[in-house]
Structures are given as structure tokens and as C-alpha cells.
Amino acid sequence: MPIREFLDDSVDPHIRGFLHLPDQPTGDALVLTHGAGSNAKAPLLVALAATFSAAGFTVLRCDLPYRQSRSYGPPGPGDAARDRAGLKNAIAALRNIKPHEGGPPHAVVVGWNRILLAGHSYGGRQSSILCSEEPGLVSGLLLLSYPLHPRRRPEQERTAHLPNLRTPALFVHGTRDPFGSIAEIEHALKMIPAHAKLLAVESAGHDLGFKGKATQQDLPAKILAAFRALLDLPASESAPSNRSGLPR
């Protein structure tokens, strides 16, 4: 499965990252981005991109604009709107890529089936805000370690946009995440009018077990299966249930 460096400086904000091209494309595509203080080379993102690409997804694993501007440190208070604009540009860039690019000569996919958006922590928060502002922009959201509130400040909830979120969303959250307990995430899901599910990861913190050289080798496959289950529900079952019914 080819992985190419990707750069488009013809748009503002620029798009910079890595494009994973599947051997057998299915017509599904995913924009995947990182959390505050991280970048597109984060081990969790690399592992997810490899797993999704092996399953036929075209994946654009990208740096947010704030990370393109400076190589380290968290985003500043004024970065959020520009980071969301960068995500929107990345989605548009994926739409311009041929679904069969990188696949075998006999590939017959002629149009995108679904464009999806995923982000870890801050990247997931900006992804969800973008989708609440622009319903229909993507077909589904994958929110990894959603930062429900700052560490040790549960009263500062980051949920104001959730009642406007009409994009199906899978939340993947560690049971030891200091930025939101499982109970708090379950309560937040009840605010979302779209179909939303929770995949809880036992004993994992905000990094979901991907810290330094540590990895959760089976987690990316579990996330892929849960995300597919959420997106592939028949229309008759797609009404909001907001229950954490996926296996932990």
C-alpha cells in the first residue's frame, strides 16, 4: 500500500501530510488528524491509517495549520477557526483525488462512496465543531479521546456545539482519560441528535495506549469494525440511540 507525502500550497491554509493509497480501494476516504502538541506522525494515527488503508480506505493523515506554522507546542487561542478551515481544505483535496488512484489497473471504483473525518483530542474537537457548522460535509466522524473538558476542570465542558451535530459519530475513549470520564462522555452523547456510539477502551488514558513505543496492537482493528458498524446501519436503524453498546 503506497504512502506518499502530500502537500498542496495552492490553498490557504495549506494541506500537508501523508496520503495512504489502498491496494483495493472501496471508495471510502478518511481525513485523519492529530491532537494538541502532536502531529501527523503520531503512532496512533500511523497505526489507524495503516489499518484503514489495508481495508480499502484512502487516508489523508495531515498536520493541522497550527502545526504547519510551528513544529512544537499546542495550538493558541486564535488557531481554532484556521485549523477548521484547514480540515475543510483537506476534505476538498480528497474529493479531487480519484478513488482508484494507487489501486490495480482493473479497479472499477469511479466515485467516492463516503468521505469521513477523524481526529484525536483537539483534532477531533475541531472536526466535530466543523461538522456542527456544516451538516453534510462528511458522512461520518471518528472522535478519538474527545477532550470533553480541560484536565481537572470538569465544570468547563466543551459541549455547546453537540446539539447541532448531525453527522454520525463514533467516540473512542479510554476509561482512564482525565479529559472526560466514560460517564461524562455517555452524558454528552445524549446531546447529539445524530447517531452516536461509544467504544470504551479499558485501562487506557488520553493516548489510548499509544505512548512512546507502547501500542495497543488490536485497537485499530476494533476501531475500524466499530466505525463500519456505525456507518453501515440500515436507514431504519439510524435513529439516534446514543448508547455505548459497542464492546469495550
Protein backbone atom coordinates (compact mmCIF):
# COMPACT_ATOMS: atom_id res chain seq x y z
CA MET A 1 0.00 0.00 0.00
CA PRO A 2 1.77 3.17 -1.17
CA ILE A 3 2.23 6.08 1.25
CA ARG A 4 3.01 9.42 -0.36
CA GLU A 5 3.94 12.75 1.12
CA PHE A 6 1.14 15.18 0.36
CA LEU A 7 1.46 18.94 0.02
CA ASP A 8 -0.94 21.44 -1.51
CA ASP A 9 0.22 25.03 -1.09
CA SER A 10 -2.25 26.35 -3.66
CA VAL A 11 -4.87 26.78 -0.94
CA ASP A 12 -4.84 28.69 2.33
CA PRO A 13 -4.44 27.14 4.82
CA HIS A 14 -2.04 24.72 3.15
CA ILE A 15 -2.55 20.96 3.32
CA ARG A 16 0.43 18.89 4.48
CA GLY A 17 0.59 15.26 5.41
CA PHE A 18 0.72 11.71 4.10
CA LEU A 19 -1.61 10.01 1.64
CA HIS A 20 -2.24 6.27 2.11
CA LEU A 21 -3.42 4.63 -1.10
CA PRO A 22 -5.06 1.20 -0.72
CA ASP A 23 -4.31 -1.73 -3.00
CA GLN A 24 -8.02 -2.48 -3.32
CA PRO A 25 -9.93 0.82 -2.94
CA THR A 26 -13.52 0.63 -1.76
CA GLY A 27 -14.47 4.23 -2.50
CA ASP A 28 -14.32 5.31 1.16
CA ALA A 29 -11.88 8.08 2.17
CA LEU A 30 -10.77 9.39 5.54
CA VAL A 31 -9.13 12.64 6.66
CA LEU A 32 -7.22 11.89 9.88
CA THR A 33 -5.59 14.47 12.14
CA HIS A 34 -3.84 14.83 15.48
CA GLY A 35 -4.24 16.34 18.91
CA ALA A 36 -2.73 19.40 20.57
CA GLY A 37 1.04 19.14 20.90
CA SER A 38 1.23 16.28 18.39
CA ASN A 39 1.45 15.92 14.62
CA ALA A 40 0.50 13.65 11.73
CA LYS A 41 3.33 11.25 12.59
CA ALA A 42 1.75 10.29 15.93
CA PRO A 43 1.92 6.47 16.39
CA LEU A 44 -1.84 6.19 16.92
CA LEU A 45 -2.55 7.96 13.63
CA VAL A 46 0.03 5.92 11.74
CA ALA A 47 -1.46 2.68 13.04
CA LEU A 48 -5.02 3.72 12.23
CA ALA A 49 -4.09 4.91 8.74
CA ALA A 50 -2.38 1.58 8.01
CA THR A 51 -5.38 -0.42 9.25
CA PHE A 52 -7.98 1.63 7.37
CA SER A 53 -5.88 1.65 4.19
CA ALA A 54 -5.47 -2.13 4.34
CA ALA A 55 -9.27 -2.32 4.46
CA GLY A 56 -9.62 -0.24 1.27
CA PHE A 57 -9.87 3.31 2.64
CA THR A 58 -7.90 6.14 1.06
CA VAL A 59 -6.47 8.02 4.05
CA LEU A 60 -5.09 11.55 4.22
CA ARG A 61 -3.16 11.80 7.51
CA CYS A 62 -2.49 15.51 7.89
CA ASP A 63 -0.99 18.24 10.05
CA LEU A 64 -3.33 20.98 11.21
CA PRO A 65 -2.41 24.54 10.15
CA TYR A 66 -1.11 25.48 13.62
CA ARG A 67 1.37 22.60 13.43
CA GLN A 68 2.46 23.64 9.96
CA SER A 69 3.22 27.11 11.38
CA ARG A 70 5.35 25.83 14.27
CA SER A 71 6.96 22.48 14.86
CA TYR A 72 6.11 22.10 18.55
CA GLY A 73 3.75 23.30 21.25
CA PRO A 74 -0.04 23.38 21.50
CA PRO A 75 -2.43 25.50 19.40
CA GLY A 76 -3.06 29.04 20.54
CA PRO A 77 -6.44 30.59 21.42
CA GLY A 78 -6.76 32.08 17.93
CA ASP A 79 -5.87 28.95 15.96
CA ALA A 80 -9.14 27.01 16.09
CA ALA A 81 -11.01 28.65 13.19
CA ARG A 82 -7.99 28.39 10.90
CA ASP A 83 -7.47 24.74 11.88
CA ARG A 84 -11.08 24.00 10.93
CA ALA A 85 -10.51 25.77 7.60
CA GLY A 86 -7.51 23.50 7.08
CA LEU A 87 -9.64 20.43 7.70
CA LYS A 88 -12.19 21.67 5.20
CA ASN A 89 -9.43 22.14 2.63
CA ALA A 90 -8.18 18.60 3.30
CA ILE A 91 -11.66 17.21 2.71
CA ALA A 92 -11.88 19.13 -0.56
CA ALA A 93 -8.47 17.82 -1.60
CA LEU A 94 -9.59 14.23 -1.03
CA ARG A 95 -12.65 14.83 -3.17
CA ASN A 96 -10.31 15.76 -6.03
CA ILE A 97 -8.32 12.53 -5.77
CA LYS A 98 -9.51 9.67 -7.98
CA PRO A 99 -10.84 6.84 -5.77
CA HIS A 100 -8.90 4.22 -7.74
CA GLU A 101 -5.59 6.09 -7.60
CA GLY A 102 -2.90 3.74 -6.37
CA GLY A 103 -5.06 0.68 -6.93
CA PRO A 104 -4.70 -2.03 -9.56
CA PRO A 105 -5.37 -1.22 -13.24
CA HIS A 106 -8.67 -3.12 -13.14
CA ALA A 107 -10.08 -1.07 -10.24
CA VAL A 108 -13.65 -0.10 -11.07
CA VAL A 109 -14.42 2.46 -8.35
CA VAL A 110 -15.48 5.56 -10.26
CA GLY A 111 -16.72 7.85 -7.50
CA TRP A 112 -16.39 8.31 -3.79
CA ASN A 113 -18.76 6.29 -1.65
CA ARG A 114 -18.12 8.21 1.57
CA ILE A 115 -15.73 10.90 2.80
CA LEU A 116 -15.11 10.65 6.54
CA LEU A 117 -13.34 12.79 9.13
CA ALA A 118 -11.34 11.68 12.16
CA GLY A 119 -9.28 13.41 14.81
CA HIS A 120 -7.55 12.74 18.10
CA SER A 121 -8.29 15.04 21.04
CA TYR A 122 -8.07 18.67 19.82
CA GLY A 123 -8.24 17.47 16.22
CA GLY A 124 -11.44 15.59 16.99
CA ARG A 125 -12.94 18.56 18.77
CA GLN A 126 -12.30 20.83 15.79
CA SER A 127 -13.66 18.14 13.46
CA SER A 128 -16.89 17.90 15.43
CA ILE A 129 -17.29 21.68 15.58
CA LEU A 130 -16.73 21.91 11.81
CA CYS A 131 -19.41 19.29 11.18
CA SER A 132 -21.85 21.03 13.53
CA GLU A 133 -21.31 24.20 11.50
CA GLU A 134 -21.61 22.45 8.13
CA PRO A 135 -24.00 19.47 8.26
CA GLY A 136 -23.48 17.07 5.39
CA LEU A 137 -19.83 17.99 4.90
CA VAL A 138 -18.80 14.37 5.57
CA SER A 139 -20.61 11.07 6.05
CA GLY A 140 -19.21 10.21 9.46
CA LEU A 141 -16.97 11.31 12.34
CA LEU A 142 -14.39 9.31 14.29
CA LEU A 143 -13.55 11.14 17.54
CA LEU A 144 -10.59 9.72 19.44
CA SER A 145 -10.20 10.78 23.08
CA TYR A 146 -12.59 13.70 22.73
CA PRO A 147 -11.43 16.38 25.24
CA LEU A 148 -14.73 16.92 26.98
CA HIS A 149 -13.19 19.41 29.41
CA PRO A 150 -9.70 20.56 30.46
CA ARG A 151 -7.80 18.27 32.81
CA ARG A 152 -9.19 18.51 36.38
CA ARG A 153 -11.75 21.15 35.31
CA PRO A 154 -14.95 19.20 34.62
CA GLU A 155 -17.06 22.31 35.01
CA GLN A 156 -15.61 23.72 31.75
CA GLU A 157 -17.49 21.45 29.38
CA ARG A 158 -16.78 21.64 25.64
CA THR A 159 -20.23 20.54 24.55
CA ALA A 160 -22.01 23.70 23.32
CA HIS A 161 -21.93 22.56 19.67
CA LEU A 162 -23.05 18.96 20.24
CA PRO A 163 -26.82 19.66 19.96
CA ASN A 164 -26.10 20.87 16.40
CA LEU A 165 -24.06 17.81 15.40
CA ARG A 166 -26.00 15.85 12.77
CA THR A 167 -23.16 13.69 11.49
CA PRO A 168 -22.97 10.06 12.72
CA ALA A 169 -20.10 9.83 15.20
CA LEU A 170 -18.07 7.14 16.93
CA PHE A 171 -16.35 8.23 20.14
CA VAL A 172 -13.34 6.12 21.18
CA HIS A 173 -12.41 6.87 24.78
CA GLY A 174 -10.13 5.42 27.44
CA THR A 175 -11.61 4.56 30.82
CA ARG A 176 -8.76 6.48 32.50
CA ASP A 177 -8.88 9.58 30.33
CA PRO A 178 -8.51 12.69 32.55
CA PHE A 179 -10.23 14.87 29.94
CA GLY A 180 -13.56 13.10 30.44
CA SER A 181 -14.87 10.05 32.24
CA ILE A 182 -16.90 7.38 30.49
CA ALA A 183 -20.00 8.56 32.36
CA GLU A 184 -19.38 12.13 31.20
CA ILE A 185 -18.93 11.02 27.59
CA GLU A 186 -22.13 8.96 27.75
CA HIS A 187 -23.98 12.02 29.02
CA ALA A 188 -22.52 14.14 26.21
CA LEU A 189 -23.69 11.61 23.60
CA LYS A 190 -27.27 12.22 24.70
CA MET A 191 -26.95 15.81 23.45
CA ILE A 192 -26.21 14.71 19.87
CA PRO A 193 -29.21 14.38 17.54
CA ALA A 194 -27.23 12.23 15.08
CA HIS A 195 -26.49 8.56 15.60
CA ALA A 196 -23.59 8.37 18.07
CA LYS A 197 -21.82 5.49 19.74
CA LEU A 198 -19.07 4.99 22.29
CA LEU A 199 -16.25 2.48 22.13
CA ALA A 200 -14.65 2.45 25.58
CA VAL A 201 -11.05 1.25 25.86
CA GLU A 202 -10.38 -0.38 29.22
CA SER A 203 -7.49 0.99 31.30
CA ALA A 204 -6.42 3.43 28.56
CA GLY A 205 -5.66 7.08 29.11
CA HIS A 206 -5.85 10.01 26.72
CA ASP A 207 -3.25 8.40 24.44
CA LEU A 208 -5.38 5.24 24.07
CA GLY A 209 -2.34 3.14 24.89
CA PHE A 210 -0.12 4.69 22.19
CA LYS A 211 2.61 6.42 24.16
CA GLY A 212 6.28 6.29 23.24
CA LYS A 213 6.92 2.79 21.95
CA ALA A 214 3.80 1.36 23.60
CA THR A 215 0.95 0.33 21.32
CA GLN A 216 -2.43 -1.36 21.52
CA GLN A 217 -1.96 -3.63 18.53
CA ASP A 218 -5.54 -4.84 18.32
CA LEU A 219 -7.18 -1.45 18.91
CA PRO A 220 -7.07 -0.06 15.33
CA ALA A 221 -8.92 -3.12 14.02
CA LYS A 222 -11.54 -2.77 16.77
CA ILE A 223 -11.99 0.90 15.90
CA LEU A 224 -12.37 0.07 12.21
CA ALA A 225 -15.00 -2.58 12.94
CA ALA A 226 -16.95 -0.29 15.27
CA PHE A 227 -16.83 2.63 12.83
CA ARG A 228 -18.04 0.45 9.97
CA ALA A 229 -20.86 -0.87 12.15
CA LEU A 230 -21.95 2.68 12.94
CA LEU A 231 -21.85 3.85 9.31
CA ASP A 232 -23.41 0.78 7.72
CA LEU A 233 -26.60 0.72 9.80
CA PRO A 234 -29.71 0.40 7.63
CA ALA A 235 -31.71 3.60 7.38
CA SER A 236 -34.45 2.09 9.58
CA GLU A 237 -31.92 1.69 12.41
CA SER A 238 -30.14 5.01 12.05
CA ALA A 239 -32.25 7.00 14.50
CA PRO A 240 -30.30 8.25 17.50
CA SER A 241 -29.82 5.71 20.27
CA ASN A 242 -26.77 7.29 21.94
CA ARG A 243 -25.98 4.12 23.84
CA SER A 244 -22.49 2.76 24.46
CA GLY A 245 -23.48 -0.60 23.03
CA LEU A 246 -20.15 -1.44 21.39
CA PRO A 247 -17.89 -3.94 23.15
CA ARG A 248 -15.29 -2.50 25.47
